[in-house]
Amino acid sequence: MARILIVDDSPSQLLGIKRIVEKLGHEALSAEDGAAGVEVAKLEKPDLILMDVVMPNLNGFQATRTISKNPETAHIPIILVTTKDQETDKVWGMRQGAKAYVTKPIKEDELIRTLKEFLPG
């Protein structure tokens, strides 16, 4: 069982993603914005992070960059989960340290496939 941090400022999105994560038998941690996501990542050291992009305080690109540049958290794979679906957004997200990019509205099978790609076992 993996511990997955979900960072999203939308309660309904958070709940939907959490349901998918828990259905797969994983533990879901959550944070409501990028700044909180960075803190939870440092404290909890999850196995993987699902990161929204458009959020208050610290957006997902900034939070991804912060987490991937910190030696304590750089090993944690980050998957961006966002409505930003332009190719330039994807390229920028990967440059910030994300390992994958899933667009909203989330297709459950796509999210599951992406999670399995980055989780051990």
N, C-alpha and C. Protein backbone atom coordinates (compact mmCIF):
# COMPACT_ATOMS: atom_id res chain seq x y z
N MET A 1 0.84 -1.19 0.00
CA MET A 1 0.00 0.00 0.00
C MET A 1 0.88 1.25 0.00
N ALA A 2 0.61 2.13 -0.93
CA ALA A 2 1.38 3.37 -1.04
C ALA A 2 0.65 4.51 -0.33
N ARG A 3 1.42 5.52 0.04
CA ARG A 3 0.83 6.74 0.61
C ARG A 3 0.91 7.80 -0.47
N ILE A 4 -0.26 8.31 -0.87
CA ILE A 4 -0.33 9.26 -1.97
C ILE A 4 -0.89 10.59 -1.47
N LEU A 5 -0.13 11.64 -1.72
CA LEU A 5 -0.56 12.99 -1.34
C LEU A 5 -1.32 13.61 -2.51
N ILE A 6 -2.54 14.05 -2.25
CA ILE A 6 -3.36 14.73 -3.26
C ILE A 6 -3.40 16.22 -2.89
N VAL A 7 -2.94 17.07 -3.80
CA VAL A 7 -2.92 18.51 -3.54
C VAL A 7 -3.90 19.15 -4.53
N ASP A 8 -5.03 19.65 -4.00
CA ASP A 8 -6.05 20.25 -4.85
C ASP A 8 -6.90 21.18 -4.00
N ASP A 9 -7.22 22.36 -4.52
CA ASP A 9 -8.02 23.32 -3.75
C ASP A 9 -9.52 23.11 -3.93
N SER A 10 -9.92 22.18 -4.79
CA SER A 10 -11.34 21.90 -5.00
C SER A 10 -11.76 20.69 -4.18
N PRO A 11 -12.66 20.90 -3.19
CA PRO A 11 -13.10 19.76 -2.35
C PRO A 11 -13.68 18.61 -3.17
N SER A 12 -14.41 18.91 -4.24
CA SER A 12 -15.02 17.84 -5.04
C SER A 12 -13.95 17.06 -5.83
N GLN A 13 -12.96 17.76 -6.35
CA GLN A 13 -11.87 17.09 -7.06
C GLN A 13 -11.07 16.22 -6.09
N LEU A 14 -10.79 16.79 -4.93
CA LEU A 14 -10.04 16.08 -3.90
C LEU A 14 -10.74 14.78 -3.53
N LEU A 15 -12.04 14.86 -3.33
CA LEU A 15 -12.83 13.70 -2.97
C LEU A 15 -12.83 12.65 -4.08
N GLY A 16 -12.99 13.10 -5.32
CA GLY A 16 -13.01 12.18 -6.46
C GLY A 16 -11.70 11.43 -6.62
N ILE A 17 -10.60 12.16 -6.51
CA ILE A 17 -9.28 11.54 -6.65
C ILE A 17 -9.01 10.61 -5.46
N LYS A 18 -9.39 11.05 -4.27
CA LYS A 18 -9.21 10.24 -3.07
C LYS A 18 -9.94 8.90 -3.20
N ARG A 19 -11.13 8.94 -3.75
CA ARG A 19 -11.93 7.73 -3.94
C ARG A 19 -11.19 6.74 -4.84
N ILE A 20 -10.61 7.24 -5.93
CA ILE A 20 -9.86 6.37 -6.85
C ILE A 20 -8.63 5.78 -6.16
N VAL A 21 -7.89 6.62 -5.44
CA VAL A 21 -6.68 6.18 -4.74
C VAL A 21 -7.01 5.09 -3.71
N GLU A 22 -8.06 5.33 -2.93
CA GLU A 22 -8.43 4.37 -1.88
C GLU A 22 -9.02 3.09 -2.48
N LYS A 23 -9.69 3.19 -3.61
CA LYS A 23 -10.23 2.02 -4.29
C LYS A 23 -9.10 1.07 -4.70
N LEU A 24 -7.94 1.66 -5.00
CA LEU A 24 -6.77 0.86 -5.37
C LEU A 24 -6.04 0.31 -4.14
N GLY A 25 -6.55 0.66 -2.94
CA GLY A 25 -5.95 0.14 -1.71
C GLY A 25 -4.83 0.98 -1.14
N HIS A 26 -4.71 2.22 -1.62
CA HIS A 26 -3.66 3.11 -1.12
C HIS A 26 -4.20 4.08 -0.08
N GLU A 27 -3.29 4.64 0.69
CA GLU A 27 -3.66 5.65 1.69
C GLU A 27 -3.59 7.02 1.04
N ALA A 28 -4.64 7.83 1.22
CA ALA A 28 -4.66 9.17 0.64
C ALA A 28 -4.42 10.23 1.71
N LEU A 29 -3.43 11.08 1.47
CA LEU A 29 -3.18 12.26 2.29
C LEU A 29 -3.65 13.43 1.44
N SER A 30 -3.96 14.57 2.06
CA SER A 30 -4.41 15.69 1.23
C SER A 30 -3.89 17.03 1.75
N ALA A 31 -3.85 17.98 0.81
CA ALA A 31 -3.47 19.36 1.11
C ALA A 31 -4.31 20.24 0.19
N GLU A 32 -4.71 21.41 0.70
CA GLU A 32 -5.67 22.24 -0.05
C GLU A 32 -5.03 23.33 -0.92
N ASP A 33 -3.72 23.46 -0.91
CA ASP A 33 -3.04 24.37 -1.82
C ASP A 33 -1.57 23.98 -1.93
N GLY A 34 -0.87 24.65 -2.84
CA GLY A 34 0.52 24.29 -3.09
C GLY A 34 1.43 24.45 -1.88
N ALA A 35 1.25 25.52 -1.11
CA ALA A 35 2.09 25.74 0.07
C ALA A 35 1.89 24.62 1.09
N ALA A 36 0.63 24.25 1.33
CA ALA A 36 0.35 23.15 2.26
C ALA A 36 0.90 21.84 1.70
N GLY A 37 0.82 21.66 0.37
CA GLY A 37 1.35 20.46 -0.27
C GLY A 37 2.84 20.29 -0.04
N VAL A 38 3.57 21.39 -0.15
CA VAL A 38 5.02 21.35 0.10
C VAL A 38 5.29 20.93 1.54
N GLU A 39 4.54 21.49 2.49
CA GLU A 39 4.73 21.16 3.91
C GLU A 39 4.41 19.70 4.20
N VAL A 40 3.26 19.22 3.68
CA VAL A 40 2.87 17.82 3.91
C VAL A 40 3.90 16.88 3.27
N ALA A 41 4.40 17.23 2.10
CA ALA A 41 5.43 16.41 1.43
C ALA A 41 6.67 16.29 2.31
N LYS A 42 7.09 17.40 2.90
CA LYS A 42 8.28 17.39 3.78
C LYS A 42 8.05 16.56 5.03
N LEU A 43 6.88 16.72 5.63
CA LEU A 43 6.56 16.01 6.88
C LEU A 43 6.30 14.53 6.69
N GLU A 44 5.49 14.20 5.68
CA GLU A 44 4.99 12.83 5.52
C GLU A 44 5.80 11.96 4.55
N LYS A 45 6.57 12.58 3.65
CA LYS A 45 7.34 11.85 2.63
C LYS A 45 6.48 10.79 1.94
N PRO A 46 5.42 11.21 1.24
CA PRO A 46 4.55 10.24 0.57
C PRO A 46 5.29 9.51 -0.56
N ASP A 47 4.71 8.42 -1.04
CA ASP A 47 5.32 7.65 -2.13
C ASP A 47 5.11 8.32 -3.48
N LEU A 48 4.08 9.16 -3.56
CA LEU A 48 3.73 9.82 -4.82
C LEU A 48 2.85 11.02 -4.51
N ILE A 49 2.89 12.04 -5.39
CA ILE A 49 2.06 13.24 -5.20
C ILE A 49 1.24 13.48 -6.47
N LEU A 50 -0.05 13.71 -6.28
CA LEU A 50 -0.95 14.13 -7.37
C LEU A 50 -1.20 15.62 -7.14
N MET A 51 -0.74 16.46 -8.07
CA MET A 51 -0.70 17.91 -7.86
C MET A 51 -1.57 18.66 -8.86
N ASP A 52 -2.53 19.42 -8.36
CA ASP A 52 -3.30 20.34 -9.20
C ASP A 52 -2.36 21.49 -9.57
N VAL A 53 -2.71 22.27 -10.58
CA VAL A 53 -1.87 23.41 -10.95
C VAL A 53 -2.47 24.73 -10.49
N VAL A 54 -3.74 24.97 -10.79
CA VAL A 54 -4.36 26.26 -10.50
C VAL A 54 -4.86 26.27 -9.05
N MET A 55 -4.05 26.86 -8.15
CA MET A 55 -4.38 26.91 -6.72
C MET A 55 -3.89 28.22 -6.12
N PRO A 56 -4.49 28.64 -5.00
CA PRO A 56 -4.01 29.86 -4.33
C PRO A 56 -2.69 29.61 -3.59
N ASN A 57 -2.09 30.69 -3.13
CA ASN A 57 -0.83 30.70 -2.34
C ASN A 57 0.38 30.29 -3.15
N LEU A 58 0.43 29.06 -3.58
CA LEU A 58 1.55 28.55 -4.37
C LEU A 58 0.90 27.67 -5.42
N ASN A 59 1.09 27.97 -6.71
CA ASN A 59 0.44 27.12 -7.70
C ASN A 59 1.17 25.79 -7.84
N GLY A 60 0.59 24.88 -8.58
CA GLY A 60 1.15 23.53 -8.69
C GLY A 60 2.52 23.50 -9.35
N PHE A 61 2.76 24.39 -10.32
CA PHE A 61 4.08 24.44 -10.94
C PHE A 61 5.13 24.86 -9.91
N GLN A 62 4.81 25.89 -9.12
CA GLN A 62 5.75 26.38 -8.09
C GLN A 62 5.98 25.31 -7.02
N ALA A 63 4.90 24.66 -6.58
CA ALA A 63 5.01 23.63 -5.54
C ALA A 63 5.82 22.44 -6.06
N THR A 64 5.58 22.05 -7.30
CA THR A 64 6.33 20.94 -7.91
C THR A 64 7.82 21.27 -7.96
N ARG A 65 8.14 22.48 -8.38
CA ARG A 65 9.54 22.91 -8.45
C ARG A 65 10.17 22.88 -7.06
N THR A 66 9.46 23.38 -6.05
CA THR A 66 9.98 23.42 -4.69
C THR A 66 10.25 22.00 -4.16
N ILE A 67 9.29 21.11 -4.37
CA ILE A 67 9.43 19.72 -3.89
C ILE A 67 10.55 19.00 -4.63
N SER A 68 10.62 19.16 -5.96
CA SER A 68 11.61 18.42 -6.73
C SER A 68 13.04 18.97 -6.57
N LYS A 69 13.16 20.20 -6.08
CA LYS A 69 14.50 20.77 -5.86
C LYS A 69 15.01 20.54 -4.43
N ASN A 70 14.13 20.12 -3.53
CA ASN A 70 14.52 19.89 -2.13
C ASN A 70 15.08 18.47 -2.00
N PRO A 71 16.33 18.34 -1.53
CA PRO A 71 16.94 17.00 -1.41
C PRO A 71 16.10 16.03 -0.56
N GLU A 72 15.34 16.55 0.40
CA GLU A 72 14.51 15.70 1.26
C GLU A 72 13.32 15.08 0.52
N THR A 73 12.84 15.78 -0.52
CA THR A 73 11.63 15.34 -1.20
C THR A 73 11.81 15.10 -2.71
N ALA A 74 13.01 15.30 -3.21
CA ALA A 74 13.25 15.21 -4.67
C ALA A 74 12.95 13.82 -5.24
N HIS A 75 13.00 12.79 -4.41
CA HIS A 75 12.77 11.42 -4.89
C HIS A 75 11.29 11.09 -5.12
N ILE A 76 10.39 11.95 -4.64
CA ILE A 76 8.95 11.67 -4.71
C ILE A 76 8.43 12.01 -6.11
N PRO A 77 7.88 11.02 -6.84
CA PRO A 77 7.33 11.35 -8.16
C PRO A 77 6.08 12.23 -8.03
N ILE A 78 5.99 13.23 -8.87
CA ILE A 78 4.84 14.15 -8.88
C ILE A 78 4.12 14.01 -10.21
N ILE A 79 2.82 13.78 -10.14
CA ILE A 79 1.97 13.74 -11.32
C ILE A 79 1.07 14.98 -11.27
N LEU A 80 1.16 15.82 -12.28
CA LEU A 80 0.29 16.99 -12.34
C LEU A 80 -1.09 16.54 -12.84
N VAL A 81 -2.13 16.98 -12.14
CA VAL A 81 -3.51 16.66 -12.49
C VAL A 81 -4.24 18.00 -12.62
N THR A 82 -4.52 18.42 -13.86
CA THR A 82 -4.96 19.80 -14.06
C THR A 82 -5.85 19.99 -15.27
N THR A 83 -6.58 21.09 -15.27
CA THR A 83 -7.40 21.48 -16.42
C THR A 83 -6.53 22.14 -17.50
N LYS A 84 -5.32 22.53 -17.15
CA LYS A 84 -4.43 23.19 -18.13
C LYS A 84 -3.94 22.14 -19.12
N ASP A 85 -4.53 22.16 -20.33
CA ASP A 85 -4.26 21.07 -21.26
C ASP A 85 -3.45 21.47 -22.50
N GLN A 86 -2.85 22.65 -22.48
CA GLN A 86 -2.03 23.08 -23.61
C GLN A 86 -0.67 22.37 -23.56
N GLU A 87 -0.11 22.13 -24.72
CA GLU A 87 1.20 21.47 -24.81
C GLU A 87 2.26 22.26 -24.05
N THR A 88 2.18 23.61 -24.10
CA THR A 88 3.16 24.43 -23.38
C THR A 88 3.06 24.22 -21.87
N ASP A 89 1.82 23.99 -21.37
CA ASP A 89 1.64 23.72 -19.93
C ASP A 89 2.31 22.40 -19.56
N LYS A 90 2.13 21.39 -20.41
CA LYS A 90 2.72 20.08 -20.14
C LYS A 90 4.24 20.16 -20.12
N VAL A 91 4.80 20.84 -21.13
CA VAL A 91 6.25 20.98 -21.21
C VAL A 91 6.76 21.72 -19.97
N TRP A 92 6.11 22.82 -19.60
CA TRP A 92 6.51 23.61 -18.43
C TRP A 92 6.41 22.76 -17.17
N GLY A 93 5.33 22.00 -17.02
CA GLY A 93 5.15 21.16 -15.84
C GLY A 93 6.26 20.13 -15.70
N MET A 94 6.64 19.52 -16.81
CA MET A 94 7.72 18.52 -16.77
C MET A 94 9.06 19.20 -16.43
N ARG A 95 9.24 20.41 -16.91
CA ARG A 95 10.47 21.15 -16.59
C ARG A 95 10.56 21.49 -15.10
N GLN A 96 9.42 21.60 -14.44
CA GLN A 96 9.40 21.92 -13.01
C GLN A 96 9.72 20.68 -12.16
N GLY A 97 9.72 19.51 -12.79
CA GLY A 97 10.06 18.30 -12.07
C GLY A 97 8.96 17.25 -12.05
N ALA A 98 7.83 17.51 -12.70
CA ALA A 98 6.75 16.50 -12.74
C ALA A 98 7.19 15.31 -13.58
N LYS A 99 6.69 14.13 -13.24
CA LYS A 99 7.02 12.90 -13.97
C LYS A 99 5.93 12.55 -14.99
N ALA A 100 4.72 13.07 -14.78
CA ALA A 100 3.61 12.79 -15.70
C ALA A 100 2.59 13.91 -15.60
N TYR A 101 1.63 13.89 -16.53
CA TYR A 101 0.66 14.97 -16.64
C TYR A 101 -0.69 14.36 -17.01
N VAL A 102 -1.69 14.52 -16.17
CA VAL A 102 -3.03 14.00 -16.42
C VAL A 102 -3.98 15.20 -16.44
N THR A 103 -4.82 15.29 -17.49
CA THR A 103 -5.73 16.44 -17.57
C THR A 103 -7.10 16.11 -16.99
N LYS A 104 -7.73 17.17 -16.45
CA LYS A 104 -9.10 17.08 -15.94
C LYS A 104 -10.04 17.45 -17.08
N PRO A 105 -11.26 16.95 -17.12
CA PRO A 105 -11.82 16.02 -16.16
C PRO A 105 -11.07 14.68 -16.20
N ILE A 106 -10.85 14.13 -15.03
CA ILE A 106 -10.05 12.93 -14.89
C ILE A 106 -10.78 11.72 -15.46
N LYS A 107 -10.05 10.97 -16.27
CA LYS A 107 -10.54 9.66 -16.72
C LYS A 107 -9.94 8.67 -15.75
N GLU A 108 -10.79 7.96 -15.01
CA GLU A 108 -10.32 7.07 -13.94
C GLU A 108 -9.28 6.07 -14.44
N ASP A 109 -9.52 5.45 -15.60
CA ASP A 109 -8.57 4.45 -16.10
C ASP A 109 -7.21 5.06 -16.43
N GLU A 110 -7.20 6.31 -16.91
CA GLU A 110 -5.94 6.99 -17.21
C GLU A 110 -5.16 7.28 -15.92
N LEU A 111 -5.88 7.74 -14.90
CA LEU A 111 -5.23 8.03 -13.62
C LEU A 111 -4.66 6.74 -13.01
N ILE A 112 -5.43 5.66 -13.05
CA ILE A 112 -4.98 4.38 -12.50
C ILE A 112 -3.73 3.89 -13.24
N ARG A 113 -3.76 3.97 -14.57
CA ARG A 113 -2.60 3.56 -15.37
C ARG A 113 -1.36 4.37 -14.99
N THR A 114 -1.53 5.68 -14.84
CA THR A 114 -0.41 6.55 -14.50
C THR A 114 0.12 6.25 -13.10
N LEU A 115 -0.79 6.03 -12.14
CA LEU A 115 -0.36 5.68 -10.78
C LEU A 115 0.46 4.40 -10.79
N LYS A 116 -0.04 3.39 -11.50
CA LYS A 116 0.65 2.09 -11.52
C LYS A 116 2.04 2.20 -12.14
N GLU A 117 2.18 3.13 -13.07
CA GLU A 117 3.47 3.33 -13.73
C GLU A 117 4.54 3.84 -12.74
N PHE A 118 4.12 4.62 -11.76
CA PHE A 118 5.08 5.26 -10.85
C PHE A 118 5.13 4.68 -9.44
N LEU A 119 4.23 3.73 -9.14
CA LEU A 119 4.26 3.13 -7.81
C LEU A 119 4.97 1.79 -7.86
N PRO A 120 5.77 1.48 -6.82
CA PRO A 120 6.45 0.19 -6.80
C PRO A 120 5.43 -0.95 -6.65
N GLY A 121 5.80 -2.10 -7.20
CA GLY A 121 4.94 -3.28 -7.07
C GLY A 121 3.98 -3.31 -8.18
